Amino acid sequence: MPRKFATLGFMVVASLMAGCSSTASDSSASASASAEAPVKADAPASNAIPGRCDAGLAQFAIGKQASIDLLSQVRARSGSQDARILGPDDMVTLEYRSERVNVNTDASGKVTRINCG
């Protein structure tokens, strides 16, 4: 009997986790939709691998107020294909994507960290 409850519990947890998962395109749909427009003034540096994130090239944004324009600049300078803004209480997926740059903010919306993933 305890084994049946354990199996049932596992199935419920697995179902909930599957329902909360998303595809790679869904997890950043809002950020990528606004970041699709090319930013010509801030082209990726020549040493960046095209499509691959290099967060070191986007550290200029730390301390600035997060915005769609800043997100586009960070994406372009880091050489990333995708970008997202993450607040302190935002739920995020934990998969690592080498072509995505994350703009982490504090509660007031100021950029505190830039990292890839």
C-alpha atoms as a PDB file:
ATOM      1  CA  MET A   1       0.000   0.000   0.000  1.00  0.00           C
ATOM      2  CA  PRO A   2       2.733   2.579   0.814  1.00  0.00           C
ATOM      3  CA  ARG A   3       4.380   1.738  -2.508  1.00  0.00           C
ATOM      4  CA  LYS A   4       1.164   2.613  -4.370  1.00  0.00           C
ATOM      5  CA  PHE A   5       1.001   5.994  -2.624  1.00  0.00           C
ATOM      6  CA  ALA A   6       4.655   6.672  -3.427  1.00  0.00           C
ATOM      7  CA  THR A   7       4.088   5.785  -7.083  1.00  0.00           C
ATOM      8  CA  LEU A   8       0.960   7.921  -7.226  1.00  0.00           C
ATOM      9  CA  GLY A   9       2.798  10.826  -5.577  1.00  0.00           C
ATOM     10  CA  PHE A  10       5.663  10.537  -8.045  1.00  0.00           C
ATOM     11  CA  MET A  11       3.245  10.567 -10.981  1.00  0.00           C
ATOM     12  CA  VAL A  12       1.483  13.680  -9.656  1.00  0.00           C
ATOM     13  CA  VAL A  13       4.795  15.514  -9.180  1.00  0.00           C
ATOM     14  CA  ALA A  14       6.017  14.444 -12.632  1.00  0.00           C
ATOM     15  CA  SER A  15       2.765  15.659 -14.209  1.00  0.00           C
ATOM     16  CA  LEU A  16       3.022  19.030 -12.482  1.00  0.00           C
ATOM     17  CA  MET A  17       6.635  19.448 -13.541  1.00  0.00           C
ATOM     18  CA  ALA A  18       5.796  18.573 -17.142  1.00  0.00           C
ATOM     19  CA  GLY A  19       2.971  21.100 -17.116  1.00  0.00           C
ATOM     20  CA  CYS A  20       5.287  23.847 -15.875  1.00  0.00           C
ATOM     21  CA  SER A  21       7.989  23.187 -18.438  1.00  0.00           C
ATOM     22  CA  SER A  22       8.253  25.150 -21.630  1.00  0.00           C
ATOM     23  CA  THR A  23      10.031  24.911 -24.916  1.00  0.00           C
ATOM     24  CA  ALA A  24      13.128  26.999 -25.543  1.00  0.00           C
ATOM     25  CA  SER A  25      11.180  29.412 -27.722  1.00  0.00           C
ATOM     26  CA  ASP A  26       8.469  29.925 -25.073  1.00  0.00           C
ATOM     27  CA  SER A  27      10.825  30.706 -22.195  1.00  0.00           C
ATOM     28  CA  SER A  28      12.017  33.931 -23.731  1.00  0.00           C
ATOM     29  CA  ALA A  29       9.242  34.804 -26.141  1.00  0.00           C
ATOM     30  CA  SER A  30       8.601  38.226 -24.635  1.00  0.00           C
ATOM     31  CA  ALA A  31      12.264  39.245 -24.636  1.00  0.00           C
ATOM     32  CA  SER A  32      13.067  37.871 -28.064  1.00  0.00           C
ATOM     33  CA  ALA A  33       9.953  39.372 -29.642  1.00  0.00           C
ATOM     34  CA  SER A  34      11.102  42.865 -28.713  1.00  0.00           C
ATOM     35  CA  ALA A  35      14.777  42.131 -29.306  1.00  0.00           C
ATOM     36  CA  GLU A  36      14.361  40.923 -32.897  1.00  0.00           C
ATOM     37  CA  ALA A  37      15.026  44.326 -34.441  1.00  0.00           C
ATOM     38  CA  PRO A  38      18.697  44.684 -35.351  1.00  0.00           C
ATOM     39  CA  VAL A  39      20.707  47.306 -33.536  1.00  0.00           C
ATOM     40  CA  LYS A  40      23.208  48.679 -36.047  1.00  0.00           C
ATOM     41  CA  ALA A  41      25.011  51.105 -33.751  1.00  0.00           C
ATOM     42  CA  ASP A  42      26.044  48.364 -31.357  1.00  0.00           C
ATOM     43  CA  ALA A  43      27.232  45.527 -33.565  1.00  0.00           C
ATOM     44  CA  PRO A  44      28.944  42.593 -31.816  1.00  0.00           C
ATOM     45  CA  ALA A  45      32.667  42.932 -31.290  1.00  0.00           C
ATOM     46  CA  SER A  46      34.869  41.239 -33.861  1.00  0.00           C
ATOM     47  CA  ASN A  47      36.193  38.717 -31.327  1.00  0.00           C
ATOM     48  CA  ALA A  48      32.691  37.485 -30.425  1.00  0.00           C
ATOM     49  CA  ILE A  49      31.581  34.189 -31.928  1.00  0.00           C
ATOM     50  CA  PRO A  50      28.411  34.967 -33.929  1.00  0.00           C
ATOM     51  CA  GLY A  51      25.312  33.784 -32.086  1.00  0.00           C
ATOM     52  CA  ARG A  52      27.259  32.891 -28.962  1.00  0.00           C
ATOM     53  CA  CYS A  53      26.980  34.962 -25.787  1.00  0.00           C
ATOM     54  CA  ASP A  54      30.019  36.829 -24.444  1.00  0.00           C
ATOM     55  CA  ALA A  55      28.775  38.577 -21.290  1.00  0.00           C
ATOM     56  CA  GLY A  56      32.072  40.395 -20.831  1.00  0.00           C
ATOM     57  CA  LEU A  57      31.262  42.601 -23.809  1.00  0.00           C
ATOM     58  CA  ALA A  58      27.985  43.757 -22.223  1.00  0.00           C
ATOM     59  CA  GLN A  59      29.157  44.788 -18.750  1.00  0.00           C
ATOM     60  CA  PHE A  60      28.595  48.443 -19.700  1.00  0.00           C
ATOM     61  CA  ALA A  61      24.926  47.976 -18.744  1.00  0.00           C
ATOM     62  CA  ILE A  62      25.526  47.312 -15.034  1.00  0.00           C
ATOM     63  CA  GLY A  63      24.023  50.116 -12.955  1.00  0.00           C
ATOM     64  CA  LYS A  64      21.714  51.337 -15.726  1.00  0.00           C
ATOM     65  CA  GLN A  65      17.923  51.153 -15.689  1.00  0.00           C
ATOM     66  CA  ALA A  66      16.713  48.080 -17.600  1.00  0.00           C
ATOM     67  CA  SER A  67      14.683  48.798 -20.728  1.00  0.00           C
ATOM     68  CA  ILE A  68      13.912  47.235 -24.084  1.00  0.00           C
ATOM     69  CA  ASP A  69      16.481  49.516 -25.734  1.00  0.00           C
ATOM     70  CA  LEU A  70      19.174  48.521 -23.235  1.00  0.00           C
ATOM     71  CA  LEU A  71      18.258  44.849 -23.712  1.00  0.00           C
ATOM     72  CA  SER A  72      18.744  45.237 -27.471  1.00  0.00           C
ATOM     73  CA  GLN A  73      22.134  46.884 -26.948  1.00  0.00           C
ATOM     74  CA  VAL A  74      23.246  44.145 -24.540  1.00  0.00           C
ATOM     75  CA  ARG A  75      22.113  41.441 -26.963  1.00  0.00           C
ATOM     76  CA  ALA A  76      23.931  43.055 -29.873  1.00  0.00           C
ATOM     77  CA  ARG A  77      27.182  43.763 -28.035  1.00  0.00           C
ATOM     78  CA  SER A  78      27.341  40.318 -26.443  1.00  0.00           C
ATOM     79  CA  GLY A  79      26.776  38.661 -29.820  1.00  0.00           C
ATOM     80  CA  SER A  80      23.787  36.738 -28.476  1.00  0.00           C
ATOM     81  CA  GLN A  81      20.810  35.603 -30.505  1.00  0.00           C
ATOM     82  CA  ASP A  82      18.428  35.926 -27.575  1.00  0.00           C
ATOM     83  CA  ALA A  83      18.128  38.068 -24.445  1.00  0.00           C
ATOM     84  CA  ARG A  84      15.920  38.337 -21.393  1.00  0.00           C
ATOM     85  CA  ILE A  85      15.504  40.624 -18.388  1.00  0.00           C
ATOM     86  CA  LEU A  86      15.275  38.828 -15.050  1.00  0.00           C
ATOM     87  CA  GLY A  87      13.961  40.460 -11.892  1.00  0.00           C
ATOM     88  CA  PRO A  88      14.899  39.328  -8.384  1.00  0.00           C
ATOM     89  CA  ASP A  89      11.686  37.318  -7.908  1.00  0.00           C
ATOM     90  CA  ASP A  90      11.237  36.038 -11.465  1.00  0.00           C
ATOM     91  CA  MET A  91      10.895  32.310 -11.996  1.00  0.00           C
ATOM     92  CA  VAL A  92      13.351  31.089 -14.615  1.00  0.00           C
ATOM     93  CA  THR A  93      14.197  27.887 -16.379  1.00  0.00           C
ATOM     94  CA  LEU A  94      17.574  26.428 -15.463  1.00  0.00           C
ATOM     95  CA  GLU A  95      18.744  25.132 -18.828  1.00  0.00           C
ATOM     96  CA  TYR A  96      21.939  26.723 -20.095  1.00  0.00           C
ATOM     97  CA  ARG A  97      21.707  28.277 -23.546  1.00  0.00           C
ATOM     98  CA  SER A  98      25.001  29.572 -24.884  1.00  0.00           C
ATOM     99  CA  GLU A  99      23.260  31.904 -27.329  1.00  0.00           C
ATOM    100  CA  ARG A 100      21.238  33.753 -24.635  1.00  0.00           C
ATOM    101  CA  VAL A 101      22.275  36.691 -22.457  1.00  0.00           C
ATOM    102  CA  ASN A 102      20.539  37.371 -19.135  1.00  0.00           C
ATOM    103  CA  VAL A 103      20.145  40.898 -17.779  1.00  0.00           C
ATOM    104  CA  ASN A 104      19.609  40.544 -14.021  1.00  0.00           C
ATOM    105  CA  THR A 105      17.980  43.454 -12.187  1.00  0.00           C
ATOM    106  CA  ASP A 106      17.252  44.488  -8.621  1.00  0.00           C
ATOM    107  CA  ALA A 107      13.787  45.367  -7.308  1.00  0.00           C
ATOM    108  CA  SER A 108      14.050  48.912  -8.705  1.00  0.00           C
ATOM    109  CA  GLY A 109      14.901  47.657 -12.212  1.00  0.00           C
ATOM    110  CA  LYS A 110      18.602  48.561 -12.218  1.00  0.00           C
ATOM    111  CA  VAL A 111      20.929  46.071 -13.870  1.00  0.00           C
ATOM    112  CA  THR A 112      23.012  44.189 -11.297  1.00  0.00           C
ATOM    113  CA  ARG A 113      24.556  41.434 -13.394  1.00  0.00           C
ATOM    114  CA  ILE A 114      24.990  40.312 -16.996  1.00  0.00           C
ATOM    115  CA  ASN A 115      25.552  36.615 -17.645  1.00  0.00           C
ATOM    116  CA  CYS A 116      25.076  34.038 -20.355  1.00  0.00           C
ATOM    117  CA  GLY A 117      22.655  31.184 -20.215  1.00  0.00           C
END
